[in-house]
C-alpha atoms as a PDB file:
ATOM      1  CA  UNK A   1      85.871 109.807  91.002  1.00  0.00           C
ATOM      2  CA  UNK A   2      88.676 109.967  88.327  1.00  0.00           C
ATOM      3  CA  UNK A   3      92.176 108.627  88.727  1.00  0.00           C
ATOM      4  CA  UNK A   4      95.020 109.524  86.510  1.00  0.00           C
ATOM      5  CA  UNK A   5      97.258 106.455  85.637  1.00  0.00           C
ATOM      6  CA  UNK A   6     100.892 107.024  86.320  1.00  0.00           C
ATOM      7  CA  UNK A   7     102.166 103.808  84.810  1.00  0.00           C
ATOM      8  CA  UNK A   8     103.823 100.657  86.000  1.00  0.00           C
ATOM      9  CA  UNK A   9     106.477 101.665  88.585  1.00  0.00           C
ATOM     10  CA  UNK A  10     107.867  98.442  89.602  1.00  0.00           C
ATOM     11  CA  UNK A  11     108.730  95.476  87.553  1.00  0.00           C
ATOM     12  CA  UNK A  12     109.980  92.345  89.899  1.00  0.00           C
ATOM     13  CA  UNK A  13     112.062  91.091  86.566  1.00  0.00           C
ATOM     14  CA  UNK A  14     114.599  93.571  86.882  1.00  0.00           C
ATOM     15  CA  UNK A  15     115.881  93.142  90.523  1.00  0.00           C
ATOM     16  CA  UNK A  16     116.898  90.009  92.843  1.00  0.00           C
ATOM     17  CA  UNK A  17     114.511  89.224  95.162  1.00  0.00           C
ATOM     18  CA  UNK A  18     114.081  86.854  98.208  1.00  0.00           C
ATOM     19  CA  UNK A  19     115.400  83.516  97.523  1.00  0.00           C
ATOM     20  CA  UNK A  20     114.947  82.528  93.655  1.00  0.00           C
ATOM     21  CA  UNK A  21     111.893  84.631  93.068  1.00  0.00           C
ATOM     22  CA  UNK A  22     111.855  86.402  89.670  1.00  0.00           C
ATOM     23  CA  UNK A  23     108.528  87.026  88.841  1.00  0.00           C
ATOM     24  CA  UNK A  24     105.236  88.240  90.316  1.00  0.00           C
ATOM     25  CA  UNK A  25     104.657  91.427  92.592  1.00  0.00           C
ATOM     26  CA  UNK A  26     101.250  91.084  93.577  1.00  0.00           C
ATOM     27  CA  UNK A  27      98.795  92.931  95.892  1.00  0.00           C
ATOM     28  CA  UNK A  28     101.131  95.920  96.747  1.00  0.00           C
ATOM     29  CA  UNK A  29     100.350  97.548 100.149  1.00  0.00           C
ATOM     30  CA  UNK A  30     102.115 100.447 101.772  1.00  0.00           C
ATOM     31  CA  UNK A  31     103.508 101.606 104.827  1.00  0.00           C
ATOM     32  CA  UNK A  32     104.400 105.417 104.723  1.00  0.00           C
ATOM     33  CA  UNK A  33     107.077 107.047 106.648  1.00  0.00           C
ATOM     34  CA  UNK A  34     108.126 110.520 106.936  1.00  0.00           C
ATOM     35  CA  UNK A  35     110.515 110.530 104.115  1.00  0.00           C
ATOM     36  CA  UNK A  36     109.692 107.285 101.841  1.00  0.00           C
ATOM     37  CA  UNK A  37     107.162 104.729 101.127  1.00  0.00           C
ATOM     38  CA  UNK A  38     107.568 101.003 101.674  1.00  0.00           C
ATOM     39  CA  UNK A  39     105.311  98.877  99.423  1.00  0.00           C
ATOM     40  CA  UNK A  40     104.991  95.194 100.376  1.00  0.00           C
ATOM     41  CA  UNK A  41     104.009  92.551  97.759  1.00  0.00           C
ATOM     42  CA  UNK A  42     103.834  89.029  96.980  1.00  0.00           C
ATOM     43  CA  UNK A  43     106.181  87.139  94.929  1.00  0.00           C
ATOM     44  CA  UNK A  44     106.860  83.738  93.725  1.00  0.00           C
ATOM     45  CA  UNK A  45     109.411  81.113  93.357  1.00  0.00           C
ATOM     46  CA  UNK A  46     109.117  77.345  92.103  1.00  0.00           C
ATOM     47  CA  UNK A  47     109.948  74.611  94.601  1.00  0.00           C
ATOM     48  CA  UNK A  48     111.485  71.412  93.679  1.00  0.00           C
ATOM     49  CA  UNK A  49     108.424  69.895  92.116  1.00  0.00           C
ATOM     50  CA  UNK A  50     107.595  73.021  90.144  1.00  0.00           C
ATOM     51  CA  UNK A  51     104.651  74.435  91.956  1.00  0.00           C
ATOM     52  CA  UNK A  52     104.850  77.992  93.291  1.00  0.00           C
ATOM     53  CA  UNK A  53     105.543  79.134  96.693  1.00  0.00           C
ATOM     54  CA  UNK A  54     104.500  82.779  97.540  1.00  0.00           C
ATOM     55  CA  UNK A  55     106.952  84.924  99.675  1.00  0.00           C
ATOM     56  CA  UNK A  56     106.683  88.734 100.931  1.00  0.00           C
ATOM     57  CA  UNK A  57     109.335  90.943  99.868  1.00  0.00           C
ATOM     58  CA  UNK A  58     109.151  94.982  99.371  1.00  0.00           C
ATOM     59  CA  UNK A  59     110.558  97.991  97.828  1.00  0.00           C
ATOM     60  CA  UNK A  60     110.953 101.552  99.125  1.00  0.00           C
ATOM     61  CA  UNK A  61     110.162 104.558  97.072  1.00  0.00           C
ATOM     62  CA  UNK A  62     110.601 108.325  97.464  1.00  0.00           C
ATOM     63  CA  UNK A  63     107.474 109.898  98.391  1.00  0.00           C
ATOM     64  CA  UNK A  64     106.988 111.014  94.576  1.00  0.00           C
ATOM     65  CA  UNK A  65     107.364 107.485  93.340  1.00  0.00           C
ATOM     66  CA  UNK A  66     109.684 108.208  90.921  1.00  0.00           C
ATOM     67  CA  UNK A  67     113.038 106.855  92.474  1.00  0.00           C
ATOM     68  CA  UNK A  68     113.611 103.554  93.951  1.00  0.00           C
ATOM     69  CA  UNK A  69     115.622 103.782  97.203  1.00  0.00           C
ATOM     70  CA  UNK A  70     115.900  99.945  98.488  1.00  0.00           C
ATOM     71  CA  UNK A  71     114.490  96.484  97.388  1.00  0.00           C
ATOM     72  CA  UNK A  72     114.572  93.923  99.927  1.00  0.00           C
ATOM     73  CA  UNK A  73     116.635  90.609  99.299  1.00  0.00           C
ATOM     74  CA  UNK A  74     115.917  88.982 102.458  1.00  0.00           C
ATOM     75  CA  UNK A  75     113.001  87.371 103.944  1.00  0.00           C
ATOM     76  CA  UNK A  76     110.423  89.589 105.655  1.00  0.00           C
ATOM     77  CA  UNK A  77     108.472  86.858 106.881  1.00  0.00           C
ATOM     78  CA  UNK A  78     109.160  83.018 106.825  1.00  0.00           C
ATOM     79  CA  UNK A  79     106.544  80.767 105.471  1.00  0.00           C
ATOM     80  CA  UNK A  80     104.963  78.312 107.969  1.00  0.00           C
ATOM     81  CA  UNK A  81     106.260  75.065 109.342  1.00  0.00           C
ATOM     82  CA  UNK A  82     105.445  71.568 107.950  1.00  0.00           C
ATOM     83  CA  UNK A  83     101.677  71.312 107.867  1.00  0.00           C
ATOM     84  CA  UNK A  84     100.894  74.871 108.879  1.00  0.00           C
ATOM     85  CA  UNK A  85      98.389  77.194 107.287  1.00  0.00           C
ATOM     86  CA  UNK A  86     100.854  79.148 105.469  1.00  0.00           C
ATOM     87  CA  UNK A  87     103.150  76.303 104.598  1.00  0.00           C
ATOM     88  CA  UNK A  88     103.184  77.156 100.775  1.00  0.00           C
ATOM     89  CA  UNK A  89     102.733  80.906 100.706  1.00  0.00           C
ATOM     90  CA  UNK A  90     101.924  84.281 101.983  1.00  0.00           C
ATOM     91  CA  UNK A  91      99.703  86.120  99.410  1.00  0.00           C
ATOM     92  CA  UNK A  92      98.712  88.804 100.320  1.00  0.00           C
ATOM     93  CA  UNK A  93      99.872  90.779 103.252  1.00  0.00           C
ATOM     94  CA  UNK A  94      98.541  93.802 104.994  1.00  0.00           C
ATOM     95  CA  UNK A  95     100.254  96.181 107.189  1.00  0.00           C
ATOM     96  CA  UNK A  96      99.150  98.634 109.743  1.00  0.00           C
ATOM     97  CA  UNK A  97     100.823 101.022 112.008  1.00  0.00           C
ATOM     98  CA  UNK A  98      99.785 100.256 116.033  1.00  0.00           C
ATOM     99  CA  UNK A  99     101.512 102.736 118.484  1.00  0.00           C
ATOM    100  CA  UNK A 100     105.023 101.552 118.378  1.00  0.00           C
ATOM    101  CA  UNK A 101     104.827  98.338 116.591  1.00  0.00           C
ATOM    102  CA  UNK A 102     103.424  97.444 113.174  1.00  0.00           C
ATOM    103  CA  UNK A 103     101.005  94.490 112.414  1.00  0.00           C
ATOM    104  CA  UNK A 104     101.102  92.327 109.423  1.00  0.00           C
ATOM    105  CA  UNK A 105      97.988  90.542 108.730  1.00  0.00           C
ATOM    106  CA  UNK A 106      99.028  87.387 106.308  1.00  0.00           C
ATOM    107  CA  UNK A 107      96.814  85.270 104.104  1.00  0.00           C
ATOM    108  CA  UNK A 108      98.606  82.144 104.488  1.00  0.00           C
ATOM    109  CA  UNK A 109      97.792  79.144 102.040  1.00  0.00           C
ATOM    110  CA  UNK A 110      98.300  75.760 101.677  1.00  0.00           C
ATOM    111  CA  UNK A 111      97.928  73.079  98.882  1.00  0.00           C
ATOM    112  CA  UNK A 112      95.113  70.626  98.811  1.00  0.00           C
ATOM    113  CA  UNK A 113      94.196  67.447  97.083  1.00  0.00           C
ATOM    114  CA  UNK A 114      90.586  67.671  96.133  1.00  0.00           C
ATOM    115  CA  UNK A 115      90.927  71.547  95.244  1.00  0.00           C
ATOM    116  CA  UNK A 116      94.057  73.580  94.418  1.00  0.00           C
ATOM    117  CA  UNK A 117      94.338  75.492  97.886  1.00  0.00           C
ATOM    118  CA  UNK A 118      92.809  76.747 101.376  1.00  0.00           C
ATOM    119  CA  UNK A 119      93.854  79.776 103.278  1.00  0.00           C
ATOM    120  CA  UNK A 120      93.681  81.521 106.714  1.00  0.00           C
ATOM    121  CA  UNK A 121      94.527  84.646 108.275  1.00  0.00           C
ATOM    122  CA  UNK A 122      97.515  84.970 110.583  1.00  0.00           C
ATOM    123  CA  UNK A 123      99.182  87.800 112.400  1.00  0.00           C
ATOM    124  CA  UNK A 124     103.010  88.864 112.889  1.00  0.00           C
ATOM    125  CA  UNK A 125     104.417  91.729 114.503  1.00  0.00           C
ATOM    126  CA  UNK A 126     107.623  94.175 113.682  1.00  0.00           C
ATOM    127  CA  UNK A 127     109.497  96.114 115.808  1.00  0.00           C
ATOM    128  CA  UNK A 128     112.104  97.371 113.388  1.00  0.00           C
ATOM    129  CA  UNK A 129     110.205  99.429 110.907  1.00  0.00           C
ATOM    130  CA  UNK A 130     108.495  96.639 108.962  1.00  0.00           C
ATOM    131  CA  UNK A 131     112.082  95.379 108.032  1.00  0.00           C
ATOM    132  CA  UNK A 132     110.987  91.909 109.322  1.00  0.00           C
ATOM    133  CA  UNK A 133     107.904  90.263 110.917  1.00  0.00           C
ATOM    134  CA  UNK A 134     107.864  87.744 113.919  1.00  0.00           C
ATOM    135  CA  UNK A 135     104.439  85.465 113.896  1.00  0.00           C
ATOM    136  CA  UNK A 136     102.449  85.699 116.929  1.00  0.00           C
ATOM    137  CA  UNK A 137     101.975  81.787 116.917  1.00  0.00           C
ATOM    138  CA  UNK A 138     102.208  79.118 114.121  1.00  0.00           C
ATOM    139  CA  UNK A 139      98.255  78.911 113.556  1.00  0.00           C
ATOM    140  CA  UNK A 140      95.845  81.663 112.131  1.00  0.00           C
ATOM    141  CA  UNK A 141      93.904  84.097 114.037  1.00  0.00           C
ATOM    142  CA  UNK A 142      91.138  83.803 111.500  1.00  0.00           C
ATOM    143  CA  UNK A 143      90.366  80.760 109.913  1.00  0.00           C
ATOM    144  CA  UNK A 144      87.300  78.437 108.518  1.00  0.00           C
ATOM    145  CA  UNK A 145      84.212  78.283 110.771  1.00  0.00           C
ATOM    146  CA  UNK A 146      80.640  76.842 110.367  1.00  0.00           C
ATOM    147  CA  UNK A 147      79.261  79.062 107.974  1.00  0.00           C
ATOM    148  CA  UNK A 148      82.917  80.115 106.553  1.00  0.00           C
ATOM    149  CA  UNK A 149      84.204  76.670 105.483  1.00  0.00           C
ATOM    150  CA  UNK A 150      87.362  77.594 103.548  1.00  0.00           C
ATOM    151  CA  UNK A 151      89.371  80.230 101.739  1.00  0.00           C
ATOM    152  CA  UNK A 152      89.387  82.742 104.445  1.00  0.00           C
ATOM    153  CA  UNK A 153      92.077  85.773 103.546  1.00  0.00           C
ATOM    154  CA  UNK A 154      92.827  88.974 102.076  1.00  0.00           C
ATOM    155  CA  UNK A 155      92.544  90.636 105.207  1.00  0.00           C
ATOM    156  CA  UNK A 156      92.360  94.675 105.299  1.00  0.00           C
ATOM    157  CA  UNK A 157      92.451  96.387 108.672  1.00  0.00           C
ATOM    158  CA  UNK A 158      91.757  99.683 109.810  1.00  0.00           C
ATOM    159  CA  UNK A 159      91.759 100.623 113.732  1.00  0.00           C
ATOM    160  CA  UNK A 160      89.606 103.294 115.184  1.00  0.00           C
ATOM    161  CA  UNK A 161      89.764 103.872 118.908  1.00  0.00           C
ATOM    162  CA  UNK A 162      90.129 100.692 120.522  1.00  0.00           C
ATOM    163  CA  UNK A 163      88.661  98.656 117.822  1.00  0.00           C
ATOM    164  CA  UNK A 164      90.315  96.701 114.896  1.00  0.00           C
ATOM    165  CA  UNK A 165      87.906  96.368 111.901  1.00  0.00           C
ATOM    166  CA  UNK A 166      88.716  93.707 109.318  1.00  0.00           C
ATOM    167  CA  UNK A 167      87.232  93.386 105.701  1.00  0.00           C
ATOM    168  CA  UNK A 168      88.154  90.013 104.475  1.00  0.00           C
ATOM    169  CA  UNK A 169      86.815  87.338 102.263  1.00  0.00           C
ATOM    170  CA  UNK A 170      85.862  83.635 102.381  1.00  0.00           C
ATOM    171  CA  UNK A 171      84.901  80.864 100.258  1.00  0.00           C
ATOM    172  CA  UNK A 172      81.254  80.206  99.498  1.00  0.00           C
ATOM    173  CA  UNK A 173      81.739  76.990  97.181  1.00  0.00           C
ATOM    174  CA  UNK A 174      84.003  75.338  94.682  1.00  0.00           C
ATOM    175  CA  UNK A 175      82.402  74.861  91.448  1.00  0.00           C
ATOM    176  CA  UNK A 176      83.246  72.456  88.407  1.00  0.00           C
ATOM    177  CA  UNK A 177      82.879  73.636  85.018  1.00  0.00           C
ATOM    178  CA  UNK A 178      83.372  71.576  81.840  1.00  0.00           C
ATOM    179  CA  UNK A 179      85.915  74.146  80.264  1.00  0.00           C
ATOM    180  CA  UNK A 180      88.232  74.038  83.442  1.00  0.00           C
ATOM    181  CA  UNK A 181      90.696  71.538  84.169  1.00  0.00           C
ATOM    182  CA  UNK A 182      90.139  71.819  87.904  1.00  0.00           C
ATOM    183  CA  UNK A 183      87.375  73.063  90.330  1.00  0.00           C
ATOM    184  CA  UNK A 184      87.167  76.978  90.717  1.00  0.00           C
ATOM    185  CA  UNK A 185      86.508  78.871  93.835  1.00  0.00           C
ATOM    186  CA  UNK A 186      83.777  81.574  94.533  1.00  0.00           C
ATOM    187  CA  UNK A 187      84.619  84.017  97.330  1.00  0.00           C
ATOM    188  CA  UNK A 188      82.809  86.973  98.843  1.00  0.00           C
ATOM    189  CA  UNK A 189      83.873  90.106 100.879  1.00  0.00           C
ATOM    190  CA  UNK A 190      82.606  90.161 104.828  1.00  0.00           C
ATOM    191  CA  UNK A 191      83.603  91.984 107.908  1.00  0.00           C
ATOM    192  CA  UNK A 192      84.796  91.281 111.737  1.00  0.00           C
ATOM    193  CA  UNK A 193      85.891  93.579 114.624  1.00  0.00           C
ATOM    194  CA  UNK A 194      88.362  92.842 117.413  1.00  0.00           C
ATOM    195  CA  UNK A 195      89.432  94.614 120.400  1.00  0.00           C
ATOM    196  CA  UNK A 196      92.816  93.190 120.190  1.00  0.00           C
ATOM    197  CA  UNK A 197      93.830  92.123 116.840  1.00  0.00           C
ATOM    198  CA  UNK A 198      93.877  88.431 117.740  1.00  0.00           C
ATOM    199  CA  UNK A 199      90.110  87.497 118.779  1.00  0.00           C
ATOM    200  CA  UNK A 200      87.754  88.172 116.209  1.00  0.00           C
ATOM    201  CA  UNK A 201      84.106  88.675 116.212  1.00  0.00           C
ATOM    202  CA  UNK A 202      82.390  87.854 112.614  1.00  0.00           C
ATOM    203  CA  UNK A 203      79.471  89.653 111.455  1.00  0.00           C
ATOM    204  CA  UNK A 204      78.417  86.929 109.041  1.00  0.00           C
ATOM    205  CA  UNK A 205      76.829  88.267 106.118  1.00  0.00           C
ATOM    206  CA  UNK A 206      78.277  89.592 102.544  1.00  0.00           C
ATOM    207  CA  UNK A 207      78.704  93.120 102.827  1.00  0.00           C
ATOM    208  CA  UNK A 208      78.912  93.760  98.799  1.00  0.00           C
ATOM    209  CA  UNK A 209      76.066  93.005  96.467  1.00  0.00           C
ATOM    210  CA  UNK A 210      76.876  91.043  93.478  1.00  0.00           C
ATOM    211  CA  UNK A 211      77.238  92.614  90.002  1.00  0.00           C
ATOM    212  CA  UNK A 212      77.650  90.056  87.441  1.00  0.00           C
ATOM    213  CA  UNK A 213      75.795  86.736  89.147  1.00  0.00           C
ATOM    214  CA  UNK A 214      75.868  84.684  92.259  1.00  0.00           C
ATOM    215  CA  UNK A 215      79.305  83.067  91.511  1.00  0.00           C
ATOM    216  CA  UNK A 216      80.887  86.579  91.191  1.00  0.00           C
ATOM    217  CA  UNK A 217      84.341  86.349  92.914  1.00  0.00           C
ATOM    218  CA  UNK A 218      85.173  89.341  95.085  1.00  0.00           C
ATOM    219  CA  UNK A 219      88.696  89.921  96.301  1.00  0.00           C
ATOM    220  CA  UNK A 220      91.276  92.153  98.373  1.00  0.00           C
ATOM    221  CA  UNK A 221      88.988  95.024  99.858  1.00  0.00           C
ATOM    222  CA  UNK A 222      90.805  98.174 100.754  1.00  0.00           C
ATOM    223  CA  UNK A 223      89.032 100.818 102.715  1.00  0.00           C
ATOM    224  CA  UNK A 224      89.988 104.555 103.284  1.00  0.00           C
ATOM    225  CA  UNK A 225      88.202 107.319 104.942  1.00  0.00           C
ATOM    226  CA  UNK A 226      87.894 110.176 102.686  1.00  0.00           C
ATOM    227  CA  UNK A 227      85.772 113.471 103.167  1.00  0.00           C
ATOM    228  CA  UNK A 228      83.871 111.616 105.959  1.00  0.00           C
ATOM    229  CA  UNK A 229      82.801 108.737 104.014  1.00  0.00           C
ATOM    230  CA  UNK A 230      84.386 105.449 104.065  1.00  0.00           C
ATOM    231  CA  UNK A 231      85.408 104.166 100.444  1.00  0.00           C
ATOM    232  CA  UNK A 232      86.223 100.456  99.656  1.00  0.00           C
ATOM    233  CA  UNK A 233      88.161  99.501  96.413  1.00  0.00           C
ATOM    234  CA  UNK A 234      88.336  95.925  95.416  1.00  0.00           C
ATOM    235  CA  UNK A 235      88.457  93.492  92.430  1.00  0.00           C
ATOM    236  CA  UNK A 236      85.836  91.159  90.954  1.00  0.00           C
ATOM    237  CA  UNK A 237      85.830  88.800  88.235  1.00  0.00           C
ATOM    238  CA  UNK A 238      83.649  85.744  86.978  1.00  0.00           C
ATOM    239  CA  UNK A 239      84.335  82.309  88.659  1.00  0.00           C
ATOM    240  CA  UNK A 240      85.404  80.513  85.107  1.00  0.00           C
ATOM    241  CA  UNK A 241      86.915  81.433  81.963  1.00  0.00           C
ATOM    242  CA  UNK A 242      89.001  84.377  83.435  1.00  0.00           C
ATOM    243  CA  UNK A 243      92.162  83.332  82.485  1.00  0.00           C
ATOM    244  CA  UNK A 244      92.008  83.317  78.801  1.00  0.00           C
ATOM    245  CA  UNK A 245      89.088  85.541  78.086  1.00  0.00           C
ATOM    246  CA  UNK A 246      89.752  89.376  79.355  1.00  0.00           C
ATOM    247  CA  UNK A 247      86.119  90.184  79.455  1.00  0.00           C
ATOM    248  CA  UNK A 248      85.713  87.649  82.368  1.00  0.00           C
ATOM    249  CA  UNK A 249      88.907  88.642  84.273  1.00  0.00           C
ATOM    250  CA  UNK A 250      89.417  91.220  87.000  1.00  0.00           C
ATOM    251  CA  UNK A 251      87.861  94.537  87.150  1.00  0.00           C
ATOM    252  CA  UNK A 252      88.182  97.133  89.943  1.00  0.00           C
ATOM    253  CA  UNK A 253      84.873  97.760  91.852  1.00  0.00           C
ATOM    254  CA  UNK A 254      83.803 100.467  94.383  1.00  0.00           C
ATOM    255  CA  UNK A 255      81.277 100.917  97.397  1.00  0.00           C
ATOM    256  CA  UNK A 256      80.785 103.658 100.055  1.00  0.00           C
ATOM    257  CA  UNK A 257      79.712 103.646 103.807  1.00  0.00           C
ATOM    258  CA  UNK A 258      79.235 105.746 106.615  1.00  0.00           C
ATOM    259  CA  UNK A 259      79.268 103.186 109.358  1.00  0.00           C
ATOM    260  CA  UNK A 260      82.042 100.662 107.916  1.00  0.00           C
ATOM    261  CA  UNK A 261      79.424  97.866 108.017  1.00  0.00           C
ATOM    262  CA  UNK A 262      76.820  98.639 105.360  1.00  0.00           C
ATOM    263  CA  UNK A 263      77.864  99.282 102.039  1.00  0.00           C
ATOM    264  CA  UNK A 264      76.404 100.746  98.783  1.00  0.00           C
ATOM    265  CA  UNK A 265      78.036  99.594  95.449  1.00  0.00           C
ATOM    266  CA  UNK A 266      78.703 101.961  92.747  1.00  0.00           C
ATOM    267  CA  UNK A 267      81.365 100.724  90.239  1.00  0.00           C
ATOM    268  CA  UNK A 268      80.313 103.381  87.846  1.00  0.00           C
ATOM    269  CA  UNK A 269      82.001 105.848  90.016  1.00  0.00           C
ATOM    270  CA  UNK A 270      85.104 103.829  90.500  1.00  0.00           C
ATOM    271  CA  UNK A 271      86.960 105.978  87.948  1.00  0.00           C
ATOM    272  CA  UNK A 272      89.636 103.234  86.767  1.00  0.00           C
ATOM    273  CA  UNK A 273      89.368 100.370  84.038  1.00  0.00           C
ATOM    274  CA  UNK A 274      91.653  98.692  81.903  1.00  0.00           C
ATOM    275  CA  UNK A 275      93.967 100.489  79.443  1.00  0.00           C
ATOM    276  CA  UNK A 276      93.482 100.247  75.637  1.00  0.00           C
ATOM    277  CA  UNK A 277      96.964  98.621  75.258  1.00  0.00           C
ATOM    278  CA  UNK A 278      99.806  97.791  77.415  1.00  0.00           C
ATOM    279  CA  UNK A 279     100.347  96.105  80.748  1.00  0.00           C
ATOM    280  CA  UNK A 280      97.071  96.771  82.347  1.00  0.00           C
ATOM    281  CA  UNK A 281      95.016  96.093  79.059  1.00  0.00           C
ATOM    282  CA  UNK A 282      93.683  92.674  79.969  1.00  0.00           C
ATOM    283  CA  UNK A 283      92.815  93.101  83.717  1.00  0.00           C
ATOM    284  CA  UNK A 284      93.110  95.699  86.694  1.00  0.00           C
ATOM    285  CA  UNK A 285      93.073  93.661  89.925  1.00  0.00           C
ATOM    286  CA  UNK A 286      94.349  93.780  93.550  1.00  0.00           C
ATOM    287  CA  UNK A 287      93.826  97.487  94.554  1.00  0.00           C
ATOM    288  CA  UNK A 288      95.512  99.116  97.814  1.00  0.00           C
ATOM    289  CA  UNK A 289      94.384 102.754  98.226  1.00  0.00           C
ATOM    290  CA  UNK A 290      96.322 104.906 100.674  1.00  0.00           C
ATOM    291  CA  UNK A 291      97.100 108.521 101.275  1.00  0.00           C
ATOM    292  CA  UNK A 292     100.356 110.025 101.077  1.00  0.00           C
ATOM    293  CA  UNK A 293     101.234 114.011 101.497  1.00  0.00           C
ATOM    294  CA  UNK A 294      97.478 114.886 101.326  1.00  0.00           C
ATOM    295  CA  UNK A 295      97.213 112.977  97.925  1.00  0.00           C
ATOM    296  CA  UNK A 296      95.107 109.860  97.420  1.00  0.00           C
ATOM    297  CA  UNK A 297      96.606 107.232  95.537  1.00  0.00           C
ATOM    298  CA  UNK A 298      95.803 103.511  94.031  1.00  0.00           C
ATOM    299  CA  UNK A 299      98.239 101.038  93.808  1.00  0.00           C
ATOM    300  CA  UNK A 300      97.261  97.972  91.271  1.00  0.00           C
ATOM    301  CA  UNK A 301      98.200  94.977  89.323  1.00  0.00           C
ATOM    302  CA  UNK A 302      97.537  94.512  85.783  1.00  0.00           C
ATOM    303  CA  UNK A 303      97.865  91.673  83.472  1.00  0.00           C
ATOM    304  CA  UNK A 304      98.436  88.063  84.267  1.00  0.00           C
ATOM    305  CA  UNK A 305      97.583  88.780  87.820  1.00  0.00           C
ATOM    306  CA  UNK A 306     100.632  91.082  88.516  1.00  0.00           C
ATOM    307  CA  UNK A 307     103.474  88.779  86.908  1.00  0.00           C
ATOM    308  CA  UNK A 308     105.264  91.767  85.525  1.00  0.00           C
ATOM    309  CA  UNK A 309     104.776  94.181  88.602  1.00  0.00           C
ATOM    310  CA  UNK A 310     102.545  96.840  89.643  1.00  0.00           C
ATOM    311  CA  UNK A 311     101.320 100.393  88.770  1.00  0.00           C
ATOM    312  CA  UNK A 312     100.092 103.433  90.605  1.00  0.00           C
ATOM    313  CA  UNK A 313      97.034 106.155  89.967  1.00  0.00           C
ATOM    314  CA  UNK A 314      96.430 109.518  91.515  1.00  0.00           C
ATOM    315  CA  UNK A 315      93.015 110.735  92.496  1.00  0.00           C
ATOM    316  CA  UNK A 316      92.366 113.963  90.129  1.00  0.00           C
ATOM    317  CA  UNK A 317      88.974 114.597  91.460  1.00  0.00           C
END
């Protein structure tokens, strides 16, 4: 594959977003309408203690991605109640058209004491074309369990027939390193399926092989069916040193499958990497692949995990 980078298309610092959010447009994910494309993303504000809260916002583009039609300034989905799994933020959100409703699979996170955070996957529903979503409940639909002990999130859901397919991540372990001020997480991509989008059957195995080492971190899978093959894009990085050393930061990986469960990794065929200079010269992360008017596009974040927005690439071949 070869992707043509079309540049950064959205900078959150140029717009008034929900609440006091002024930076970050992380994990852009699309909802394609007949005459425009809505792109959801996670943005951040600081609470009274100076710590971040993650909120969901969106921007509407024309279908050529040249003109911004609207930027949401109201809450798309509220954060969780006191003590709930999504009390301190939602990052990311994955949306899916499902008959006459739109489903949102949220990664809700909350702060911890011994480690920085924990996460679970929630479900919300929209009946107004995705302007706002209502949670199906205060708790998650997929969370930690016996063999997936923490950090369950990054859901991407596809529906075939009457079955919902989910690719997501879970945390394998926290590790301590002398060069890091706090424990760092290791997480891998896994698969589950459901008949109703609420009750999920986990497969219970890592489906993407490691490239770096056993502590490779794999995040945010996105899957598209193209030429009768399922193609997965995701991001991966080293577990430590990734914030200051760009050679240890996020890159975009690639795998393919014929059955949605068994995947062959081939990053060399991915077709996109960091640029020599500019907004995505240190890292590329949080990919989202989608089709629009018979073209295949890739949304992604660049330096500083999307602090200054996201960009777009178009598949050339």
